Amino acid sequence: MQLVERRVIKSNHQVYKQIDEMCFASKNLYNAATYIMRQAFFSWGQSSVPQYNRLYQIMKDSSEYKALPAKVSQQVLKLVAQNWTSFKAASLEYSLDDSKFTGRPNIPGYLDSYGRYCVIFTSQATSKKQLGQELIKLSEIDYCFETCVKLGSINKYCQSRIVPKLDHYVLEIVYEIPDVTESDNNSIAAIDFGVNNLMAITSNVPGFSPVLINGRPLKSINQFYNSKRAAITSENGNNSSKRLKRFTTYRNHKVRDYLHRASTYVINLLAELGVSKLVLGKNKGWKNGINIGAVNNQNFVQIPHAQLIELLTYKAAMKGIQVIIQEESYTSKASFLDNDFIPTYNSKPVDWVASGKRVKRGLYISQNGIAINADVNGSYNILKKAFPEAFGIRNSEVLVTPRKVNLEGHALKMVTPF
């Protein structure tokens, strides 16, 4: 299993200028290599686009290639070649079945002339003297970065990446740890993602009370960011001021911190329950062309659920929990308590009608008039859709009032149910 440790490199760091120059040189090499690929494509067609080995022979004596360490330049060329390989594969798939795409695949283009591109240091471009000493030295960078990665017989160093961000760089140290054996039992949990309730967690574990992770702090962060961004843009007349970049970086770090704390809490909770499988509800392209009102659109789209899914996935793997992505169409409409059949998207029977209904935000009423939290109902249906026999015969344990969890600072505070 591969993990990543991230280190933020700000503009006041002593090697920031050197890193900035390397990322600028990486951008120049990327654009020079892309020019070669595009010329071949437009002149002789897709079949004539060079593979990596040929591209390397063309570029190895160029000034752009020599501006970086050889091993680093090779990684840039490999990324260019991978982009074109992906473009070829996508174009072929599009010609066979365009319904899988939102549009025709675009030819790989150039990076902004004033932009930056990532640099990758393989193990061959990393000094071996510092490995295992909680320090890491990258080729031609005059600095030893601290790391918490314990490198040795257990952890294997893979590579390091320096990734450009708005007003800083991020050093990503990639390493491998041994895989954790997945547990195999009938304990299953499911998560329904939302806005006010970031996650609604349910399980078939006897006696488990559904849990709602409060999403309002993220909503508040985004609303404050949107109002301040509008004010800054109005004052400066542009969308790329240093002040706006700093503020956006601050917002992104706050959001990522909250997602980390929320995902850690959830996975630790499920591990204590002995859950072996975690079902995550997600529809393909669920945020593309969404139309739930201007305010709701903004609230939903700005919460990085995909990032949250990635965090949950790797943290679950570290606990031996298998993650399953489940298509969640009609899980919010169907009534779990009435054991409704849940159709699949584009396969709903003409006469299908849900037994219950959502009477207002956050409240779902079953056919028998039983009230249940709407997000909890959706989460139970996601679990049922993935594992229809997970619950067996219904019992009153699924009717308990959910607990709502607030993540404030580094403390977890339990508050009154929804």
Protein backbone atom coordinates (compact mmCIF):
# COMPACT_ATOMS: atom_id res chain seq x y z
CA MET A 1 0.00 0.00 0.00
CA GLN A 2 1.36 3.42 -0.96
CA LEU A 3 1.03 6.39 1.38
CA VAL A 4 2.04 10.03 1.00
CA GLU A 5 3.51 12.46 3.51
CA ARG A 6 2.99 16.11 2.59
CA ARG A 7 5.25 19.05 3.46
CA VAL A 8 4.26 22.63 2.63
CA ILE A 9 7.07 24.81 1.24
CA LYS A 10 6.18 28.49 1.57
CA SER A 11 7.79 31.48 -0.14
CA ASN A 12 9.96 32.24 2.92
CA HIS A 13 11.62 28.81 2.82
CA GLN A 14 15.34 28.94 2.13
CA VAL A 15 15.13 26.72 -0.98
CA TYR A 16 11.84 28.10 -2.30
CA LYS A 17 13.57 30.04 -5.09
CA GLN A 18 15.56 26.99 -6.17
CA ILE A 19 12.43 24.83 -6.23
CA ASP A 20 10.54 27.52 -8.12
CA GLU A 21 13.26 27.59 -10.79
CA MET A 22 13.17 23.79 -11.11
CA CYS A 23 9.38 23.75 -11.51
CA PHE A 24 9.62 26.52 -14.13
CA ALA A 25 12.24 24.47 -16.00
CA SER A 26 9.95 21.43 -15.72
CA LYS A 27 7.17 23.44 -17.36
CA ASN A 28 9.51 24.45 -20.21
CA LEU A 29 10.53 20.83 -20.79
CA TYR A 30 6.89 19.70 -20.71
CA ASN A 31 5.90 22.28 -23.32
CA ALA A 32 8.92 21.51 -25.54
CA ALA A 33 8.11 17.78 -25.48
CA THR A 34 4.41 18.47 -26.06
CA TYR A 35 5.35 20.54 -29.14
CA ILE A 36 7.17 17.52 -30.61
CA MET A 37 4.16 15.28 -29.95
CA ARG A 38 1.62 17.73 -31.37
CA GLN A 39 3.64 18.36 -34.53
CA ALA A 40 3.87 14.63 -35.18
CA PHE A 41 0.13 14.25 -34.53
CA PHE A 42 -0.95 17.07 -36.87
CA SER A 43 1.54 16.15 -39.59
CA TRP A 44 1.27 12.37 -39.78
CA GLY A 45 -1.58 11.31 -37.52
CA GLN A 46 -2.00 9.61 -34.19
CA SER A 47 0.01 6.50 -35.07
CA SER A 48 3.14 8.61 -35.65
CA VAL A 49 3.19 10.20 -32.17
CA PRO A 50 6.51 9.13 -30.54
CA GLN A 51 6.60 6.71 -27.63
CA TYR A 52 8.69 7.56 -24.56
CA ASN A 53 11.92 5.99 -25.81
CA ARG A 54 11.78 7.94 -29.07
CA LEU A 55 10.79 11.14 -27.28
CA TYR A 56 13.77 10.72 -24.95
CA GLN A 57 16.17 10.37 -27.90
CA ILE A 58 14.77 13.55 -29.45
CA MET A 59 14.89 15.63 -26.25
CA LYS A 60 18.00 14.39 -24.40
CA ASP A 61 20.36 16.91 -25.96
CA SER A 62 18.03 19.91 -25.71
CA SER A 63 18.62 22.82 -23.34
CA GLU A 64 15.23 22.20 -21.69
CA TYR A 65 16.23 18.63 -20.83
CA LYS A 66 19.63 19.63 -19.45
CA ALA A 67 18.13 22.36 -17.25
CA LEU A 68 17.07 19.66 -14.76
CA PRO A 69 18.78 16.59 -13.30
CA ALA A 70 18.62 13.77 -15.88
CA LYS A 71 16.43 11.52 -13.72
CA VAL A 72 13.99 14.36 -13.12
CA SER A 73 13.83 15.29 -16.81
CA GLN A 74 13.10 11.67 -17.68
CA GLN A 75 10.09 11.69 -15.36
CA VAL A 76 8.71 14.81 -17.08
CA LEU A 77 9.02 13.13 -20.47
CA LYS A 78 7.31 10.02 -19.11
CA LEU A 79 4.38 12.15 -17.94
CA VAL A 80 4.10 13.71 -21.42
CA ALA A 81 4.15 10.25 -23.03
CA GLN A 82 1.54 8.98 -20.54
CA ASN A 83 -0.76 11.89 -21.37
CA TRP A 84 -0.65 11.01 -25.06
CA THR A 85 -1.13 7.31 -24.36
CA SER A 86 -4.20 8.19 -22.31
CA PHE A 87 -5.45 10.46 -25.10
CA LYS A 88 -5.12 7.63 -27.64
CA ALA A 89 -6.95 5.18 -25.39
CA ALA A 90 -9.71 7.71 -24.64
CA SER A 91 -10.12 8.56 -28.34
CA LEU A 92 -10.49 4.88 -29.21
CA GLU A 93 -13.01 4.35 -26.43
CA TYR A 94 -14.92 7.45 -27.52
CA SER A 95 -15.17 6.14 -31.09
CA LEU A 96 -16.64 2.87 -29.76
CA ASP A 97 -19.03 4.31 -27.17
CA ASP A 98 -19.30 8.08 -26.69
CA SER A 99 -21.97 7.72 -23.98
CA LYS A 100 -19.19 7.20 -21.41
CA PHE A 101 -17.88 10.72 -22.03
CA THR A 102 -19.17 14.25 -21.57
CA GLY A 103 -17.37 15.33 -24.77
CA ARG A 104 -14.70 14.36 -27.27
CA PRO A 105 -11.27 13.86 -25.61
CA ASN A 106 -9.05 16.89 -26.12
CA ILE A 107 -5.55 16.74 -27.54
CA PRO A 108 -2.95 17.35 -24.78
CA GLY A 109 -2.10 21.04 -24.80
CA TYR A 110 0.55 23.38 -23.48
CA LEU A 111 0.97 24.67 -19.95
CA ASP A 112 0.77 28.39 -19.25
CA SER A 113 3.98 30.12 -20.31
CA TYR A 114 4.33 31.65 -16.84
CA GLY A 115 3.18 28.52 -15.06
CA ARG A 116 4.99 25.78 -13.17
CA TYR A 117 4.97 21.99 -13.40
CA CYS A 118 5.71 19.25 -10.91
CA VAL A 119 9.13 17.64 -10.53
CA ILE A 120 9.52 14.00 -9.54
CA PHE A 121 12.53 12.53 -7.77
CA THR A 122 12.77 8.74 -7.96
CA SER A 123 14.85 6.75 -5.48
CA GLN A 124 17.78 7.15 -7.91
CA ALA A 125 17.44 10.93 -7.62
CA THR A 126 17.37 10.84 -3.82
CA SER A 127 20.45 10.76 -1.62
CA LYS A 128 20.74 7.39 0.14
CA LYS A 129 22.76 8.78 3.06
CA GLN A 130 19.79 10.45 4.72
CA LEU A 131 17.22 7.70 4.11
CA GLY A 132 16.22 6.15 7.41
CA GLN A 133 17.47 9.14 9.42
CA GLU A 134 14.14 11.04 9.28
CA LEU A 135 15.70 13.32 6.65
CA ILE A 136 15.46 13.31 2.89
CA LYS A 137 17.84 14.94 0.38
CA LEU A 138 16.67 15.43 -3.20
CA SER A 139 18.99 15.71 -6.18
CA GLU A 140 20.50 19.19 -6.66
CA ILE A 141 18.39 20.76 -3.90
CA ASP A 142 20.65 22.14 -1.20
CA TYR A 143 18.50 21.16 1.75
CA CYS A 144 17.58 18.11 3.82
CA PHE A 145 13.83 17.93 4.42
CA GLU A 146 12.53 16.45 7.64
CA THR A 147 10.20 13.49 7.37
CA CYS A 148 8.20 11.34 9.74
CA VAL A 149 8.51 8.38 7.41
CA LYS A 150 10.38 5.55 9.08
CA LEU A 151 12.27 4.13 6.13
CA GLY A 152 13.79 0.71 6.46
CA SER A 153 12.88 -2.93 6.17
CA ILE A 154 9.15 -2.23 6.76
CA ASN A 155 8.63 0.97 4.79
CA LYS A 156 9.96 1.26 1.23
CA TYR A 157 10.73 4.65 -0.27
CA CYS A 158 9.20 5.12 -3.73
CA GLN A 159 9.64 8.71 -4.85
CA SER A 160 9.18 12.36 -3.93
CA ARG A 161 7.16 14.93 -5.83
CA ILE A 162 7.21 18.70 -5.62
CA VAL A 163 3.79 19.96 -6.70
CA PRO A 164 3.08 23.66 -7.47
CA LYS A 165 0.10 25.21 -5.71
CA LEU A 166 -1.35 28.72 -5.73
CA ASP A 167 1.29 30.46 -3.62
CA HIS A 168 3.39 27.58 -2.33
CA TYR A 169 4.76 24.17 -3.16
CA VAL A 170 3.96 20.80 -1.59
CA LEU A 171 6.60 18.13 -1.14
CA GLU A 172 4.95 14.72 -1.36
CA ILE A 173 7.04 11.81 -0.08
CA VAL A 174 5.62 8.55 -1.42
CA TYR A 175 6.41 5.32 0.42
CA GLU A 176 5.03 1.82 0.75
CA ILE A 177 3.88 -0.05 3.83
CA PRO A 178 2.85 -3.70 4.05
CA ASP A 179 -0.76 -4.44 3.12
CA VAL A 180 -3.13 -5.12 5.99
CA THR A 181 -5.12 -8.34 5.75
CA GLU A 182 -8.78 -7.55 5.22
CA SER A 183 -11.15 -8.98 7.80
CA ASP A 184 -13.97 -11.16 6.51
CA ASN A 185 -17.26 -11.09 8.39
CA ASN A 186 -20.84 -9.93 7.91
CA SER A 187 -20.40 -6.57 9.65
CA ILE A 188 -21.06 -3.86 7.07
CA ALA A 189 -21.34 -0.07 7.26
CA ALA A 190 -22.50 2.51 4.73
CA ILE A 191 -22.06 6.26 4.29
CA ASP A 192 -24.35 8.75 2.58
CA PHE A 193 -22.60 12.05 1.79
CA GLY A 194 -24.32 15.41 2.13
CA VAL A 195 -23.89 19.04 3.11
CA ASN A 196 -25.38 19.87 6.52
CA ASN A 197 -24.68 16.26 7.45
CA LEU A 198 -21.32 15.62 5.84
CA MET A 199 -21.69 11.87 6.40
CA ALA A 200 -24.57 9.71 7.58
CA ILE A 201 -23.12 6.41 8.84
CA THR A 202 -25.25 3.30 9.29
CA SER A 203 -24.41 -0.34 9.91
CA ASN A 204 -25.97 -3.77 10.29
CA VAL A 205 -23.99 -4.32 13.50
CA PRO A 206 -26.60 -5.08 16.22
CA GLY A 207 -27.20 -2.13 18.53
CA PHE A 208 -25.33 0.39 16.36
CA SER A 209 -26.80 3.88 16.49
CA PRO A 210 -26.52 5.77 13.18
CA VAL A 211 -24.01 8.63 13.31
CA LEU A 212 -24.27 12.02 11.59
CA ILE A 213 -21.00 13.91 11.06
CA ASN A 214 -21.69 17.63 11.16
CA GLY A 215 -20.97 19.30 7.81
CA ARG A 216 -21.94 22.83 8.79
CA PRO A 217 -18.35 23.86 9.66
CA LEU A 218 -17.33 23.12 6.04
CA LYS A 219 -20.38 24.97 4.80
CA SER A 220 -19.45 27.95 6.97
CA ILE A 221 -15.84 27.91 5.73
CA ASN A 222 -17.00 27.97 2.11
CA GLN A 223 -19.61 30.68 2.66
CA PHE A 224 -17.06 32.92 4.38
CA TYR A 225 -14.57 32.23 1.60
CA ASN A 226 -17.08 33.08 -1.13
CA SER A 227 -18.03 36.40 0.46
CA LYS A 228 -14.40 37.42 1.06
CA ARG A 229 -13.35 36.30 -2.42
CA ALA A 230 -16.06 38.48 -3.94
CA ALA A 231 -14.88 41.46 -1.88
CA ILE A 232 -11.20 40.93 -2.75
CA THR A 233 -11.97 40.49 -6.44
CA SER A 234 -14.09 43.63 -6.43
CA GLU A 235 -11.31 45.65 -4.79
CA ASN A 236 -8.48 44.37 -7.02
CA GLY A 237 -10.38 43.94 -10.25
CA ASN A 238 -8.80 40.51 -10.93
CA ASN A 239 -8.95 36.90 -9.78
CA SER A 240 -5.23 36.25 -9.32
CA SER A 241 -4.00 38.67 -6.66
CA LYS A 242 -1.53 37.49 -4.03
CA ARG A 243 -4.02 38.27 -1.31
CA LEU A 244 -6.65 36.07 -2.93
CA LYS A 245 -4.15 33.24 -3.43
CA ARG A 246 -3.17 33.37 0.25
CA PHE A 247 -6.80 33.38 1.32
CA THR A 248 -7.66 30.47 -1.01
CA THR A 249 -4.72 28.47 0.35
CA TYR A 250 -5.91 29.13 3.89
CA ARG A 251 -9.41 27.93 2.99
CA ASN A 252 -8.09 24.78 1.28
CA HIS A 253 -5.96 23.86 4.31
CA LYS A 254 -8.91 24.37 6.66
CA VAL A 255 -11.13 22.14 4.54
CA ARG A 256 -8.49 19.41 4.22
CA ASP A 257 -7.88 19.46 7.98
CA TYR A 258 -11.59 19.00 8.68
CA LEU A 259 -11.86 16.16 6.18
CA HIS A 260 -8.87 14.43 7.75
CA ARG A 261 -10.35 14.65 11.24
CA ALA A 262 -13.78 13.52 10.09
CA SER A 263 -12.42 10.54 8.11
CA THR A 264 -10.13 9.48 10.96
CA TYR A 265 -13.01 9.56 13.43
CA VAL A 266 -15.25 7.47 11.15
CA ILE A 267 -12.65 4.80 10.35
CA ASN A 268 -11.62 4.45 14.00
CA LEU A 269 -15.30 4.07 14.95
CA LEU A 270 -15.87 1.37 12.34
CA ALA A 271 -12.67 -0.46 13.27
CA GLU A 272 -13.82 -0.61 16.90
CA LEU A 273 -17.12 -2.12 15.71
CA GLY A 274 -15.28 -4.79 13.77
CA VAL A 275 -16.71 -3.68 10.41
CA SER A 276 -15.16 -5.51 7.46
CA LYS A 277 -16.84 -3.69 4.56
CA LEU A 278 -17.65 0.00 4.04
CA VAL A 279 -20.09 1.03 1.30
CA LEU A 280 -19.80 4.60 0.00
CA GLY A 281 -22.64 6.10 -2.01
CA LYS A 282 -21.49 7.94 -5.12
CA ASN A 283 -23.05 8.51 -8.52
CA LYS A 284 -20.88 8.97 -11.61
CA GLY A 285 -20.70 12.66 -12.53
CA TRP A 286 -22.95 13.53 -9.57
CA LYS A 287 -21.78 17.15 -9.56
CA ASN A 288 -21.86 17.72 -13.32
CA GLY A 289 -24.77 19.89 -14.41
CA ILE A 290 -26.40 19.70 -11.00
CA ASN A 291 -29.50 21.88 -10.65
CA ILE A 292 -30.76 22.09 -7.07
CA GLY A 293 -30.84 25.87 -6.85
CA ALA A 294 -28.01 28.40 -6.91
CA VAL A 295 -27.31 28.32 -3.17
CA ASN A 296 -27.57 24.53 -2.86
CA ASN A 297 -25.45 24.07 -5.98
CA GLN A 298 -22.68 26.14 -4.46
CA ASN A 299 -22.86 24.43 -1.07
CA PHE A 300 -22.80 20.92 -2.53
CA VAL A 301 -20.24 21.42 -5.31
CA GLN A 302 -17.70 23.22 -3.11
CA ILE A 303 -17.44 20.37 -0.60
CA PRO A 304 -14.70 18.03 -1.94
CA HIS A 305 -16.50 14.72 -1.45
CA ALA A 306 -14.10 12.97 -3.86
CA GLN A 307 -11.20 13.98 -1.62
CA LEU A 308 -13.12 12.68 1.39
CA ILE A 309 -13.69 9.36 -0.38
CA GLU A 310 -9.95 9.06 -1.05
CA LEU A 311 -9.16 9.70 2.61
CA LEU A 312 -11.72 7.18 3.79
CA THR A 313 -10.46 4.59 1.29
CA TYR A 314 -6.81 4.59 2.29
CA LYS A 315 -7.51 4.89 6.01
CA ALA A 316 -9.96 2.01 5.79
CA ALA A 317 -7.36 -0.10 3.98
CA MET A 318 -4.93 0.53 6.83
CA LYS A 319 -7.51 -0.99 9.20
CA GLY A 320 -8.27 -3.96 6.95
CA ILE A 321 -11.68 -2.60 5.89
CA GLN A 322 -12.76 -3.12 2.29
CA VAL A 323 -14.30 -0.06 0.59
CA ILE A 324 -17.05 -0.48 -2.01
CA ILE A 325 -18.32 2.40 -4.17
CA GLN A 326 -22.04 2.02 -4.71
CA GLU A 327 -24.26 3.77 -7.26
CA GLU A 328 -26.89 5.47 -5.08
CA SER A 329 -29.76 6.43 -7.38
CA TYR A 330 -33.21 6.43 -5.71
CA THR A 331 -31.77 5.66 -2.26
CA SER A 332 -33.13 8.97 -0.96
CA LYS A 333 -36.64 8.34 -2.35
CA ALA A 334 -37.08 4.69 -1.40
CA SER A 335 -38.25 3.78 2.10
CA PHE A 336 -35.84 1.53 3.97
CA LEU A 337 -38.34 0.77 6.73
CA ASP A 338 -40.90 -0.40 4.15
CA ASN A 339 -38.32 -2.58 2.39
CA ASP A 340 -38.80 -0.78 -0.93
CA PHE A 341 -37.19 -2.14 -4.07
CA ILE A 342 -34.42 0.31 -5.11
CA PRO A 343 -34.05 0.73 -8.90
CA THR A 344 -30.84 1.49 -10.74
CA TYR A 345 -30.38 4.69 -12.74
CA ASN A 346 -32.07 4.50 -16.17
CA SER A 347 -33.65 1.16 -15.16
CA LYS A 348 -36.56 2.31 -13.02
CA PRO A 349 -39.82 0.46 -13.69
CA VAL A 350 -42.56 2.69 -15.07
CA ASP A 351 -44.90 1.90 -12.19
CA TRP A 352 -42.30 2.24 -9.41
CA VAL A 353 -43.45 4.46 -6.52
CA ALA A 354 -41.71 4.90 -3.16
CA SER A 355 -43.71 3.85 -0.09
CA GLY A 356 -42.65 6.86 1.98
CA LYS A 357 -41.72 10.43 1.24
CA ARG A 358 -39.46 13.21 2.36
CA VAL A 359 -41.74 15.73 4.02
CA LYS A 360 -39.12 18.37 4.75
CA ARG A 361 -35.37 18.83 4.94
CA GLY A 362 -33.90 16.08 7.07
CA LEU A 363 -37.13 14.18 7.74
CA TYR A 364 -38.47 11.10 5.95
CA ILE A 365 -41.85 9.52 6.76
CA SER A 366 -42.44 5.83 6.04
CA GLN A 367 -45.71 4.36 4.82
CA ASN A 368 -46.75 3.63 8.43
CA GLY A 369 -46.01 7.20 9.52
CA ILE A 370 -42.68 6.40 11.21
CA ALA A 371 -40.26 9.34 11.09
CA ILE A 372 -36.60 8.74 10.32
CA ASN A 373 -33.75 11.08 9.48
CA ALA A 374 -33.68 11.42 5.69
CA ASP A 375 -29.90 11.02 5.42
CA VAL A 376 -30.00 7.95 7.66
CA ASN A 377 -32.72 6.48 5.44
CA GLY A 378 -30.52 7.09 2.40
CA SER A 379 -27.49 5.55 4.08
CA TYR A 380 -29.41 2.40 5.05
CA ASN A 381 -30.65 2.10 1.46
CA ILE A 382 -27.10 2.42 0.12
CA LEU A 383 -26.07 -0.46 2.36
CA LYS A 384 -29.09 -2.49 1.31
CA LYS A 385 -28.46 -1.78 -2.38
CA ALA A 386 -24.93 -3.16 -2.14
CA PHE A 387 -25.83 -6.06 0.18
CA PRO A 388 -29.57 -6.89 -0.09
CA GLU A 389 -29.35 -9.60 2.60
CA ALA A 390 -27.30 -7.56 5.07
CA PHE A 391 -30.13 -7.05 7.57
CA GLY A 392 -32.17 -10.21 7.28
CA ILE A 393 -35.44 -9.75 9.14
CA ARG A 394 -36.08 -6.12 10.17
CA ASN A 395 -35.81 -5.25 13.85
CA SER A 396 -36.24 -2.14 15.97
CA GLU A 397 -32.48 -1.54 16.19
CA VAL A 398 -32.55 0.49 12.97
CA LEU A 399 -35.10 2.90 14.44
CA VAL A 400 -32.85 4.47 17.07
CA THR A 401 -32.29 8.21 16.95
CA PRO A 402 -28.94 9.05 15.32
CA ARG A 403 -26.13 10.71 17.19
CA LYS A 404 -24.66 13.89 15.73
CA VAL A 405 -20.91 14.39 16.03
CA ASN A 406 -19.28 17.81 16.00
CA LEU A 407 -15.56 17.96 15.28
CA GLU A 408 -14.33 21.07 17.09
CA GLY A 409 -10.61 21.61 17.20
CA HIS A 410 -9.05 18.27 18.06
CA ALA A 411 -11.85 17.30 20.46
CA LEU A 412 -14.96 15.36 19.63
CA LYS A 413 -18.14 16.68 21.15
CA MET A 414 -21.39 14.73 21.16
CA VAL A 415 -24.44 16.98 20.95
CA THR A 416 -28.20 16.59 20.91
CA PRO A 417 -29.52 14.36 18.07
CA PHE A 418 -30.70 16.13 14.90
